[in-house]
Protein backbone atom coordinates (compact mmCIF):
# COMPACT_ATOMS: atom_id res chain seq x y z
CA MET A 1 0.17 -0.08 -0.25
CA SER A 2 1.21 3.43 -0.95
CA ILE A 3 0.64 6.64 1.21
CA THR A 4 1.10 10.24 -0.15
CA ASN A 5 1.36 13.02 2.60
CA ILE A 6 -0.47 15.69 0.52
CA SER A 7 0.25 18.34 3.35
CA ALA A 8 3.65 18.22 2.95
CA LYS A 9 5.69 21.80 1.64
CA VAL A 10 8.99 20.26 2.08
CA GLU A 11 10.75 17.42 0.61
CA SER A 12 14.29 16.22 1.85
CA GLU A 13 17.06 13.27 0.68
CA VAL A 14 19.74 12.25 2.92
CA LYS A 15 22.81 12.08 1.49
CA ILE A 16 26.44 10.78 3.26
CA HIS A 17 29.14 12.78 1.48
CA ASN A 18 32.95 13.33 2.76
CA VAL A 19 33.93 16.32 4.81
CA ARG A 20 35.80 17.32 1.63
CA TRP A 21 31.84 18.01 -0.32
CA ILE A 22 31.34 20.31 2.13
CA TYR A 23 34.16 22.17 2.42
CA ASP A 24 34.47 22.37 -1.54
CA LEU A 25 30.84 24.03 -1.39
CA HIS A 26 32.23 26.61 0.98
CA THR A 27 35.62 27.63 -0.66
CA ASN A 28 33.72 27.69 -3.84
CA ASN A 29 31.11 30.48 -2.59
CA LEU A 30 28.19 28.12 -3.41
CA LEU A 31 26.66 28.61 0.60
CA HIS A 32 24.64 31.23 1.62
CA TYR A 33 24.67 31.72 5.10
CA ASP A 34 21.52 34.21 5.62
CA ARG A 35 22.92 35.67 8.69
CA GLU A 36 20.97 38.75 8.43
CA ARG A 37 17.52 37.00 8.50
CA LEU A 38 17.71 32.88 9.06
CA GLN A 39 21.12 32.59 11.02
CA ARG A 40 22.85 33.60 13.92
CA LEU A 41 25.22 36.05 14.05
CA LEU A 42 28.04 33.99 13.42
CA THR A 43 30.43 34.35 17.05
CA LYS A 44 33.83 32.22 16.97
CA TRP A 45 33.51 29.40 19.07
CA PHE A 46 35.51 29.47 21.79
CA GLU A 47 39.08 26.82 21.56
CA GLY A 48 37.75 24.35 23.78
CA LYS A 49 34.17 23.81 21.70
CA ARG A 50 36.08 24.03 18.56
CA ASN A 51 38.83 21.30 19.93
CA SER A 52 35.45 19.20 21.15
CA TYR A 53 33.73 19.57 17.76
CA LEU A 54 36.93 18.86 15.64
CA THR A 55 37.86 15.52 18.15
CA THR A 56 34.11 14.11 17.66
CA LEU A 57 34.52 14.54 13.81
CA PHE A 58 37.61 12.99 13.42
CA ASN A 59 37.52 10.06 16.06
CA GLY A 60 34.86 8.12 14.65
CA ALA A 61 31.63 10.20 15.46
CA SER A 62 30.98 12.30 12.60
CA LEU A 63 27.75 11.14 11.40
CA LYS A 64 26.05 12.22 14.92
CA ASP A 65 25.51 15.68 13.76
CA THR A 66 23.63 16.32 10.20
CA PHE A 67 24.21 19.73 7.98
CA GLN A 68 20.60 21.13 6.85
CA ILE A 69 20.74 23.14 3.56
CA ALA A 70 17.98 23.80 1.04
CA LYS A 71 18.27 24.14 -2.55
CA ILE A 72 17.94 28.04 -3.71
CA SER A 73 16.82 27.07 -7.35
CA THR A 74 13.67 24.65 -5.69
CA ILE A 75 12.97 28.40 -3.50
CA VAL A 76 12.57 30.37 -6.31
CA ASP A 77 10.58 27.32 -8.40
CA GLN A 78 8.39 27.29 -5.18
CA LEU A 79 7.60 31.04 -5.01
CA GLU A 80 7.40 31.25 -9.11
CA ILE A 81 4.09 28.84 -8.34
CA ASP A 82 3.10 30.73 -5.41
CA ILE A 83 3.06 33.59 -7.36
CA GLU A 84 1.01 32.68 -9.89
CA ASP A 85 -1.53 30.97 -7.63
CA GLU A 86 -1.94 33.89 -5.37
CA LYS A 87 -4.65 35.82 -5.80
CA ASN A 88 -4.28 38.38 -2.69
CA GLN A 89 -2.21 41.09 -4.20
CA ILE A 90 -0.60 41.92 -0.83
CA GLU A 91 0.42 38.76 -0.49
CA LYS A 92 1.68 38.21 -4.14
CA GLU A 93 3.68 41.42 -3.73
CA PHE A 94 5.27 40.08 -0.72
CA LEU A 95 6.16 36.61 -2.61
CA GLU A 96 7.63 39.10 -5.39
CA GLU A 97 10.00 40.59 -3.09
CA ASN A 98 11.23 37.19 -1.93
CA LEU A 99 11.68 36.13 -5.34
CA GLU A 100 13.62 38.99 -6.25
CA TYR A 101 16.05 38.23 -3.26
CA PHE A 102 16.82 34.43 -4.16
CA LYS A 103 17.18 34.95 -7.74
CA ASN A 104 19.42 37.58 -6.92
CA LEU A 105 21.43 34.48 -5.16
CA LEU A 106 20.85 32.25 -7.71
CA ASP A 107 22.65 35.20 -10.17
CA LYS A 108 25.80 35.17 -7.70
CA GLY A 109 26.26 31.56 -8.21
CA LYS A 110 24.97 30.43 -5.06
CA GLN A 111 23.49 27.20 -4.96
CA PHE A 112 22.22 26.12 -1.25
CA LEU A 113 20.96 28.08 1.63
CA VAL A 114 22.50 26.65 5.13
CA LEU A 115 20.09 26.01 7.53
CA ASP A 116 21.64 24.45 10.26
CA GLY A 117 25.70 23.74 10.46
CA GLN A 118 26.75 27.44 9.61
CA HIS A 119 29.29 27.22 12.85
CA ARG A 120 30.78 23.57 12.03
CA ILE A 121 31.18 24.23 8.24
CA GLN A 122 33.26 27.53 9.82
CA GLU A 123 35.41 25.40 12.15
CA ILE A 124 36.00 22.72 9.22
CA VAL A 125 36.99 25.57 6.90
CA ASP A 126 39.23 27.37 9.29
CA TYR A 127 40.89 24.11 10.10
CA PHE A 128 41.58 22.61 6.43
CA ASP A 129 42.51 25.97 5.50
CA GLY A 130 45.53 25.84 8.72
CA LYS A 131 43.81 29.08 10.56
CA THR A 132 43.23 26.91 13.86
CA GLU A 133 44.83 24.11 15.64
CA LEU A 134 43.33 20.99 16.80
CA ASN A 135 44.28 20.48 20.75
CA PRO A 136 42.19 17.23 21.80
CA LEU A 137 42.31 16.34 25.42
CA LYS A 138 42.99 12.94 24.39
CA ASN A 139 45.54 12.44 21.65
CA ILE A 140 44.25 11.11 18.08
CA GLN A 141 46.54 8.59 16.80
CA LEU A 142 46.82 7.23 13.12
CA ARG A 143 48.38 4.25 11.69
CA ILE A 144 49.25 4.07 7.85
CA ASP A 145 49.06 0.37 6.96
CA ASP A 146 52.44 -0.94 6.36
CA GLN A 147 54.44 1.61 7.80
CA PRO A 148 55.64 1.67 11.45
CA GLY A 149 55.07 3.95 14.11
CA LEU A 150 52.36 6.13 14.87
CA ILE A 151 51.03 9.80 13.48
CA SER A 152 49.50 12.12 16.18
CA ILE A 153 46.83 14.60 13.76
CA THR A 154 47.48 17.10 17.10
CA GLY A 155 48.50 20.94 15.70
CA LYS A 156 47.70 22.35 12.02
CA PHE A 157 46.09 20.11 9.19
CA THR A 158 48.56 21.83 6.97
CA ASP A 159 51.43 20.38 8.92
CA LEU A 160 50.26 16.77 8.25
CA PRO A 161 51.79 14.42 5.54
CA GLU A 162 49.48 14.45 2.75
CA VAL A 163 48.21 11.12 2.88
CA ILE A 164 46.83 11.97 6.71
CA GLN A 165 45.28 15.42 5.00
CA GLU A 166 43.52 12.85 2.30
CA TYR A 167 42.31 10.92 4.97
CA LEU A 168 40.92 13.23 6.98
CA PHE A 169 39.22 14.99 3.87
CA GLU A 170 37.22 11.52 3.51
CA THR A 171 35.59 11.82 6.83
CA LYS A 172 31.79 11.16 6.41
CA ILE A 173 29.31 13.66 7.46
CA ILE A 174 25.66 13.53 6.75
CA CYS A 175 23.71 16.16 4.91
CA VAL A 176 20.16 16.87 4.74
CA ILE A 177 18.96 18.78 1.62
CA TYR A 178 15.76 19.80 1.07
CA ASN A 179 14.59 19.85 -2.18
CA THR A 180 11.38 22.07 -2.08
CA GLY A 181 11.49 25.25 -1.29
CA ASP A 182 8.49 26.47 0.97
CA LEU A 183 10.01 29.56 3.08
CA SER A 184 7.76 29.46 6.32
CA GLU A 185 8.71 25.44 6.67
CA LEU A 186 12.22 26.17 6.05
CA VAL A 187 12.17 28.97 8.75
CA ASN A 188 10.81 26.54 10.48
CA ILE A 189 13.17 23.84 10.31
CA PHE A 190 15.90 26.63 11.34
CA ILE A 191 13.94 27.15 14.23
CA THR A 192 13.54 23.67 15.67
CA SER A 193 17.05 22.81 14.30
CA ASN A 194 18.64 25.66 16.85
CA SER A 195 16.33 24.99 19.50
CA MET A 196 19.07 23.67 21.91
CA VAL A 197 19.77 27.73 22.42
CA ALA A 198 16.21 29.42 22.97
CA MET A 199 15.15 31.95 20.34
CA SER A 200 13.78 35.08 21.44
CA VAL A 201 10.23 36.11 20.42
CA HIS A 202 12.21 38.76 18.23
CA GLU A 203 14.44 36.51 16.59
CA LYS A 204 11.46 34.63 15.30
CA ARG A 205 9.77 37.71 14.31
CA ILE A 206 13.08 39.05 12.41
CA LEU A 207 12.88 35.56 10.07
CA ASN A 208 10.45 36.89 8.08
CA TYR A 209 10.92 37.87 4.58
CA ASN A 210 9.59 41.49 4.79
CA LYS A 211 10.15 45.31 3.98
CA ASN A 212 10.43 46.13 7.69
CA ASN A 213 12.46 43.38 8.28
CA GLN A 214 15.30 43.74 5.85
CA PHE A 215 15.03 47.77 6.41
CA LEU A 216 15.70 46.99 10.26
CA ILE A 217 18.60 44.72 9.43
CA ASP A 218 20.13 46.75 6.64
CA THR A 219 19.68 49.95 9.29
CA CYS A 220 21.80 48.13 12.46
CA LEU A 221 23.79 45.97 10.58
CA HIS A 222 25.40 47.87 7.68
CA ASP A 223 26.04 51.29 9.52
CA THR A 224 29.62 51.30 11.99
CA ASN A 225 28.24 54.26 13.89
CA ILE A 226 24.87 52.41 14.45
CA LYS A 227 26.30 48.88 15.40
CA SER A 228 29.11 51.23 17.66
CA MET A 229 26.43 52.46 19.79
CA PHE A 230 24.50 49.69 20.47
CA GLN A 231 27.71 47.86 21.36
CA ILE A 232 28.83 50.49 24.11
CA ILE A 233 25.33 51.61 25.54
CA SER A 234 24.65 49.39 28.82
CA GLY A 235 21.76 47.28 29.01
CA MET A 236 21.72 45.68 25.68
CA THR A 237 20.66 42.55 27.47
CA GLY A 238 18.05 39.57 27.45
CA GLU A 239 15.86 39.83 24.35
CA TYR A 240 17.82 43.14 23.42
CA ASP A 241 21.49 41.15 23.69
CA LEU A 242 22.91 41.67 19.98
CA THR A 243 23.64 38.38 19.41
CA LYS A 244 19.89 38.10 19.29
CA LYS A 245 19.12 40.81 17.24
CA GLY A 246 18.72 43.05 20.09
CA ASP A 247 19.45 45.85 18.29
CA THR A 248 16.80 45.52 15.30
CA LEU A 249 14.19 45.04 18.37
CA PHE A 250 14.88 48.35 19.25
CA ALA A 251 14.80 49.85 16.12
CA ALA A 252 11.41 48.25 15.56
CA GLU A 253 10.35 49.58 18.79
CA MET A 254 11.19 53.45 17.45
CA MET A 255 9.60 52.79 13.86
CA CYS A 256 6.35 51.69 15.60
CA TRP A 257 6.69 54.66 17.71
CA ILE A 258 7.46 57.10 14.76
CA ASN A 259 4.26 55.57 13.58
CA ASN A 260 2.03 56.44 16.20
CA ASN A 261 3.51 57.96 18.63
CA ASN A 262 2.85 55.58 21.58
CA PHE A 263 4.24 52.95 23.40
CA GLU A 264 0.94 50.89 24.35
CA ASN A 265 0.52 47.31 23.03
CA GLN A 266 3.78 47.10 21.55
CA ILE A 267 4.06 43.60 21.33
CA HIS A 268 1.08 43.11 19.50
CA ILE A 269 2.13 46.00 17.31
CA LEU A 270 5.43 44.39 16.90
CA ASP A 271 3.60 40.90 15.74
CA GLN A 272 2.10 42.90 13.15
CA VAL A 273 4.96 45.11 11.72
CA CYS A 274 7.69 42.43 11.52
CA GLY A 275 4.84 39.66 10.87
CA PRO A 276 5.36 36.78 7.86
CA VAL A 277 3.57 39.27 5.06
CA LYS A 278 3.67 42.92 5.02
CA SER A 279 2.88 45.43 2.00
CA ASN A 280 3.48 48.45 1.38
CA ARG A 281 0.34 49.79 1.07
CA LYS A 282 -2.10 51.46 3.09
CA SER A 283 -5.16 48.82 4.40
CA LYS A 284 -8.54 50.18 4.84
CA ASP A 285 -8.77 48.14 8.09
CA LYS A 286 -7.68 50.67 10.76
CA SER A 287 -6.68 48.15 12.85
CA LYS A 288 -3.50 46.95 10.46
CA VAL A 289 -0.49 48.56 11.20
CA TYR A 290 0.94 50.50 8.16
CA ILE A 291 4.92 51.71 8.30
CA SER A 292 5.09 53.98 5.46
CA ASP A 293 8.68 54.42 3.83
CA ALA A 294 8.74 57.86 5.11
CA GLU A 295 8.08 56.59 8.41
CA ARG A 296 10.89 54.03 8.03
CA GLN A 297 13.41 57.09 6.67
CA LEU A 298 12.77 59.09 9.51
CA THR A 299 13.65 56.59 11.89
CA LYS A 300 16.80 55.98 10.26
CA GLN A 301 17.23 59.29 10.06
CA ILE A 302 17.27 59.92 13.80
CA LEU A 303 19.22 56.58 14.44
CA LYS A 304 22.09 57.92 12.35
CA ILE A 305 22.14 61.21 14.06
CA MET A 306 21.99 59.62 17.43
CA ALA A 307 24.91 57.03 16.79
CA ASP A 308 26.87 60.21 14.96
CA GLY A 309 26.55 62.30 18.06
CA CYS A 310 27.20 59.04 20.29
CA ALA A 311 30.31 58.46 17.96
CA SER A 312 32.42 61.65 19.35
CA TYR A 313 30.76 61.19 23.05
CA PRO A 314 33.78 59.64 25.14
CA GLU A 315 33.08 56.11 25.29
CA LYS A 316 33.82 55.69 28.99
CA ASP A 317 30.60 58.36 29.64
CA LEU A 318 28.79 56.78 27.05
CA LYS A 319 28.72 53.40 29.46
CA LYS A 320 27.40 55.16 32.10
CA PHE A 321 23.99 55.57 30.21
CA SER A 322 21.47 52.53 30.06
CA LYS A 323 19.42 51.61 26.89
CA SER A 324 16.67 54.00 28.83
CA SER A 325 18.72 56.99 27.75
CA LEU A 326 18.91 55.69 24.17
CA TYR A 327 14.71 55.69 23.84
CA ASN A 328 14.67 59.03 25.50
CA LEU A 329 17.25 60.60 22.87
CA PHE A 330 14.97 58.99 20.49
CA TYR A 331 11.89 60.68 21.62
CA THR A 332 13.57 64.00 22.05
CA LEU A 333 14.88 63.89 18.24
CA ALA A 334 11.61 62.93 17.40
CA PHE A 335 9.82 65.83 19.21
CA LEU A 336 11.82 67.85 17.07
CA MET A 337 12.19 66.23 13.41
CA GLN A 338 8.95 64.62 12.96
CA LYS A 339 6.43 67.38 12.34
CA ASN A 340 2.65 67.16 13.66
CA ASN A 341 4.20 64.51 16.22
CA THR A 342 1.59 63.96 18.99
CA TRP A 343 3.69 65.47 21.84
CA LEU A 344 5.55 68.71 20.07
CA LYS A 345 2.64 69.65 17.13
CA ASP A 346 3.32 71.74 14.15
CA VAL A 347 7.31 72.17 14.56
CA GLU A 348 9.78 70.77 12.33
CA TYR A 349 13.45 71.30 12.55
CA SER A 350 16.82 69.97 11.10
CA ILE A 351 19.67 68.82 13.21
CA ASN A 352 22.55 70.61 12.17
CA ASP A 353 25.47 69.75 14.67
CA PRO A 354 24.46 65.82 15.77
CA GLU A 355 27.70 66.00 17.88
CA GLN A 356 26.47 69.08 19.85
CA PHE A 357 23.09 67.61 20.10
CA VAL A 358 23.68 64.70 21.60
CA LYS A 359 26.38 66.09 24.29
CA MET A 360 23.55 68.33 25.28
CA PHE A 361 21.04 65.70 25.94
CA PHE A 362 23.24 63.63 27.81
CA ASP A 363 24.42 66.30 29.77
CA ALA A 364 20.86 67.16 30.51
CA GLU A 365 19.90 63.65 30.96
CA ASN A 366 22.67 63.18 34.07
CA ASP A 367 21.08 65.95 35.52
CA ARG A 368 17.70 64.56 35.42
CA LEU A 369 18.79 61.51 36.41
CA LYS A 370 20.84 62.61 39.67
CA SER A 371 18.74 64.62 40.75
CA PRO A 372 18.67 65.53 44.63
CA GLY A 373 15.79 63.72 45.85
CA THR A 374 16.14 61.49 43.47
CA TYR A 375 17.23 58.53 46.38
CA PHE A 376 15.51 58.76 49.42
CA PRO A 377 17.27 56.82 52.58
CA TYR A 378 16.07 53.72 54.94
CA SER A 379 17.88 51.94 57.57
CA LEU A 380 17.51 48.40 57.99
CA PRO A 381 16.80 46.80 61.60
CA ASN A 382 20.91 45.77 61.72
CA GLY A 383 21.66 49.59 61.71
CA LYS A 384 22.79 49.40 57.56
CA ASN A 385 22.06 51.93 55.84
CA LYS A 386 19.85 51.54 52.37
CA ARG A 387 18.49 54.04 49.73
CA GLN A 388 15.55 53.48 47.64
CA LEU A 389 14.44 55.32 43.87
CA HIS A 390 11.80 57.56 44.79
CA ASP A 391 8.77 56.62 42.64
CA TYR A 392 8.19 59.94 41.54
CA SER A 393 11.64 60.59 40.37
CA PHE A 394 12.74 60.82 36.45
CA ALA A 395 15.43 58.00 37.62
CA LYS A 396 12.19 55.40 38.55
CA HIS A 397 10.29 56.46 35.27
CA ASN A 398 13.20 55.85 33.13
CA ALA A 399 13.89 52.87 34.67
CA ASP A 400 10.58 51.63 33.83
CA GLN A 401 10.84 50.14 30.77
CA LYS A 402 7.18 49.41 29.88
CA HIS A 403 6.00 53.13 30.71
CA HIS A 404 3.53 51.57 33.05
CA SER A 405 4.94 54.57 35.81
CA LYS A 406 3.17 57.63 34.44
CA VAL A 407 2.57 60.15 37.65
CA SER A 408 5.24 63.20 38.08
CA MET A 409 4.76 65.36 41.45
CA LYS A 410 6.87 68.41 41.31
CA GLY A 411 9.38 68.76 44.23
CA GLU A 412 8.88 64.91 45.23
CA GLY A 413 11.70 62.76 44.18
CA GLY A 414 13.63 65.64 42.71
CA SER A 415 10.97 66.19 39.96
CA LYS A 416 10.98 69.94 38.33
CA TYR A 417 7.17 69.05 36.82
CA LYS A 418 4.27 67.79 38.12
CA PHE A 419 2.13 65.68 35.41
CA ASP A 420 -0.81 63.08 35.91
CA ASN A 421 0.11 61.11 32.59
CA TYR A 422 2.77 59.72 30.86
CA ALA A 423 5.47 61.94 33.05
CA ARG A 424 8.70 60.33 31.33
CA LEU A 425 7.58 61.74 27.92
CA ARG A 426 6.35 64.98 29.16
CA TYR A 427 9.34 65.50 31.46
CA LEU A 428 11.72 64.57 28.70
CA LEU A 429 9.67 67.56 26.38
CA ALA A 430 9.30 70.19 29.01
CA ASP A 431 12.79 69.87 29.26
CA LEU A 432 13.45 70.10 25.36
CA GLU A 433 11.38 73.02 25.31
CA GLU A 434 13.63 74.65 27.95
CA GLN A 435 16.59 73.92 25.43
CA ILE A 436 15.42 74.96 22.29
CA PRO A 437 15.96 78.51 22.42
CA ALA A 438 19.82 78.03 23.32
CA LEU A 439 19.84 75.20 20.44
CA GLU A 440 18.88 77.35 17.90
CA SER A 441 21.07 80.54 19.07
CA LEU A 442 24.13 78.22 18.68
CA GLU A 443 22.65 76.95 15.41
CA VAL A 444 22.81 73.34 16.21
CA ILE A 445 18.88 72.70 15.27
CA THR A 446 17.21 75.40 12.83
CA LYS A 447 13.56 75.67 12.08
CA LYS A 448 12.70 74.12 9.09
CA GLY A 449 11.06 76.25 6.19
CA SER A 450 8.23 75.74 3.84
CA ARG A 451 7.26 75.10 0.17
CA LYS A 452 3.77 75.29 1.23
CA GLY A 453 1.10 77.90 -0.75
CA ALA A 454 3.88 79.07 -2.92
CA ARG A 455 4.03 79.24 -6.55
CA THR A 456 4.61 75.51 -8.06
CA ARG A 457 7.60 74.51 -10.23
CA ALA A 458 5.72 74.53 -13.52
CA GLU A 459 4.15 78.50 -12.38
CA ILE A 460 8.21 79.62 -11.81
CA LEU A 461 9.24 77.90 -15.09
CA ALA A 462 6.59 79.61 -17.42
CA GLU A 463 7.17 82.89 -15.44
CA GLU A 464 11.27 82.40 -16.42
CA GLY A 465 10.02 81.87 -20.15
CA ILE A 466 11.08 78.26 -20.13
CA PRO A 467 9.17 75.94 -23.33
CA LEU A 468 7.30 73.11 -22.01
CA SER A 469 9.55 70.55 -24.21
CA GLN A 470 12.68 72.04 -22.13
CA GLN A 471 11.31 72.20 -18.59
CA SER A 472 12.32 68.70 -17.48
CA ASP A 473 16.19 70.40 -17.71
CA TYR A 474 15.48 72.49 -15.19
CA HIS A 475 14.76 72.33 -11.13
CA ILE A 476 13.70 75.00 -8.90
CA ASP A 477 16.15 75.94 -5.83
CA GLU A 478 16.07 77.20 -2.87
CA ILE A 479 19.01 79.82 -2.28
CA VAL A 480 18.67 78.91 1.39
CA PRO A 481 17.13 75.13 1.82
CA VAL A 482 14.29 74.55 3.35
CA SER A 483 15.63 72.11 5.56
CA LYS A 484 17.84 75.04 7.14
CA GLY A 485 14.76 77.76 7.29
CA GLY A 486 14.26 78.93 3.97
CA ASN A 487 10.90 79.12 1.81
CA ARG A 488 9.74 78.98 -1.45
CA THR A 489 9.58 82.77 -2.04
CA PRO A 490 10.33 84.70 -4.87
CA GLU A 491 13.55 86.28 -3.39
CA ASN A 492 14.99 83.09 -2.32
CA THR A 493 13.95 80.97 -5.31
CA ARG A 494 16.12 80.55 -8.63
CA VAL A 495 16.07 78.06 -11.75
CA ILE A 496 19.07 76.25 -12.48
CA ASP A 497 20.20 73.30 -14.43
CA SER A 498 19.33 69.79 -12.77
CA LYS A 499 23.16 68.91 -12.33
CA THR A 500 23.97 72.05 -10.57
CA ASN A 501 20.69 71.51 -8.32
CA ILE A 502 22.39 67.89 -7.25
CA ASN A 503 25.62 69.02 -6.60
CA ASP A 504 24.19 72.27 -4.31
CA SER A 505 21.58 69.94 -2.57
CA ASN A 506 20.97 71.02 0.96
CA ARG A 507 23.48 74.00 0.83
CA THR A 508 22.85 77.66 1.52
CA LYS A 509 24.52 79.36 -1.63
CA ARG A 510 26.26 82.38 -2.17
CA ILE A 511 24.70 84.07 -5.69
CA VAL A 512 27.47 86.67 -6.99
CA GLN A 513 25.33 88.93 -9.46
């Protein structure tokens, strides 16, 4: 009797290969390690763990572990079928994004997506390339037939006789090769294969192939200053640990905050935003969270300003601040840079000097956290003196990661202000409003101008007598850019060629008559 599982979304085959096979796939650049999405960030094994694995590999237990890889060509084939069958336009767009991603891998010559075994492959490659040594607890000795004496394989592979090298290359390994390419199932295989080290909720979220997740990964992993900022600041632990992609969790929270200027129901919102299917379109369903490209870009802009400022701030001083202060810095910049921000409406500033802005912020943050009255002393029955954060202090609100504490009483716990709700945000905003005049006078920030109600491009070009057929070659330029407070007024505008406009972008110009 023959039975077929018609629900199965993956098919696999088990192959026994020699270790040279996986080594050659790696060295010929045929393996793709999706460390941004599927794979954990590759961290070097410590020597004891490396020796333990290589000992197991070369001492008779090489078939204990499996290497799991998926054919990229079959992933592409499956995506093309799914796109053809999909009727929902939003899901079709999601599938098309993924198809483009995997087709690009094929164009680069990649053949397999590694689901499980990246660390073991890296250790194998490093050992055979002579970059690491084998130093087992118990010496591994080999005998060559018809030759006297024993040969130890302790040390570097490249120092061994050629016949021993060939013998080690013939070590057998088990490979599971997936021949169908359903993405959701492959992700599940990755999760279960790595279940010995528990994955955080966010690690599982970020696995999904969508625009928001790719934005978060690109922003956090490919910007030197942003990476450094998260590496230095304290408090990146637990689900925020960098090995668990905690930097992308922070960025995701802030992207959602830009979307709604609210930190309520964050888990539900994050599940939506980083979920399996996302479109770059608004839904008529108001319960669906839509992250626009403009919101993503503003999030990135703010993070870059934060990171550039932190890059010039003394590292020893930056380490004194926690992740909570990074939240506060982001909120403060959003107050200024996000037009119609719920908390500071109808203003929009450019940050001209990130270094000075960040310095002034941390100076103010230090004053808030160390305000007299922040702690109150008490004595234990044994006579020892202790101190505790005052419930109304800013430091107490700052330590409240989930924003449950919302009340501030002036004069209590060193509080400068009285608020009956959302004390942390309101405290930051009140301090910022006090600082704005100084920030403006020092030109650290500049209020943006506006093109609203101004003459249109077509109107200006018509006034200049430029024929319609030639208008595509000309741009409208503000002499003082809008970002630096300029407006599209007759005295502040000029008609220039496109190349000049591109070169002069976002600069205040000196016009010589």
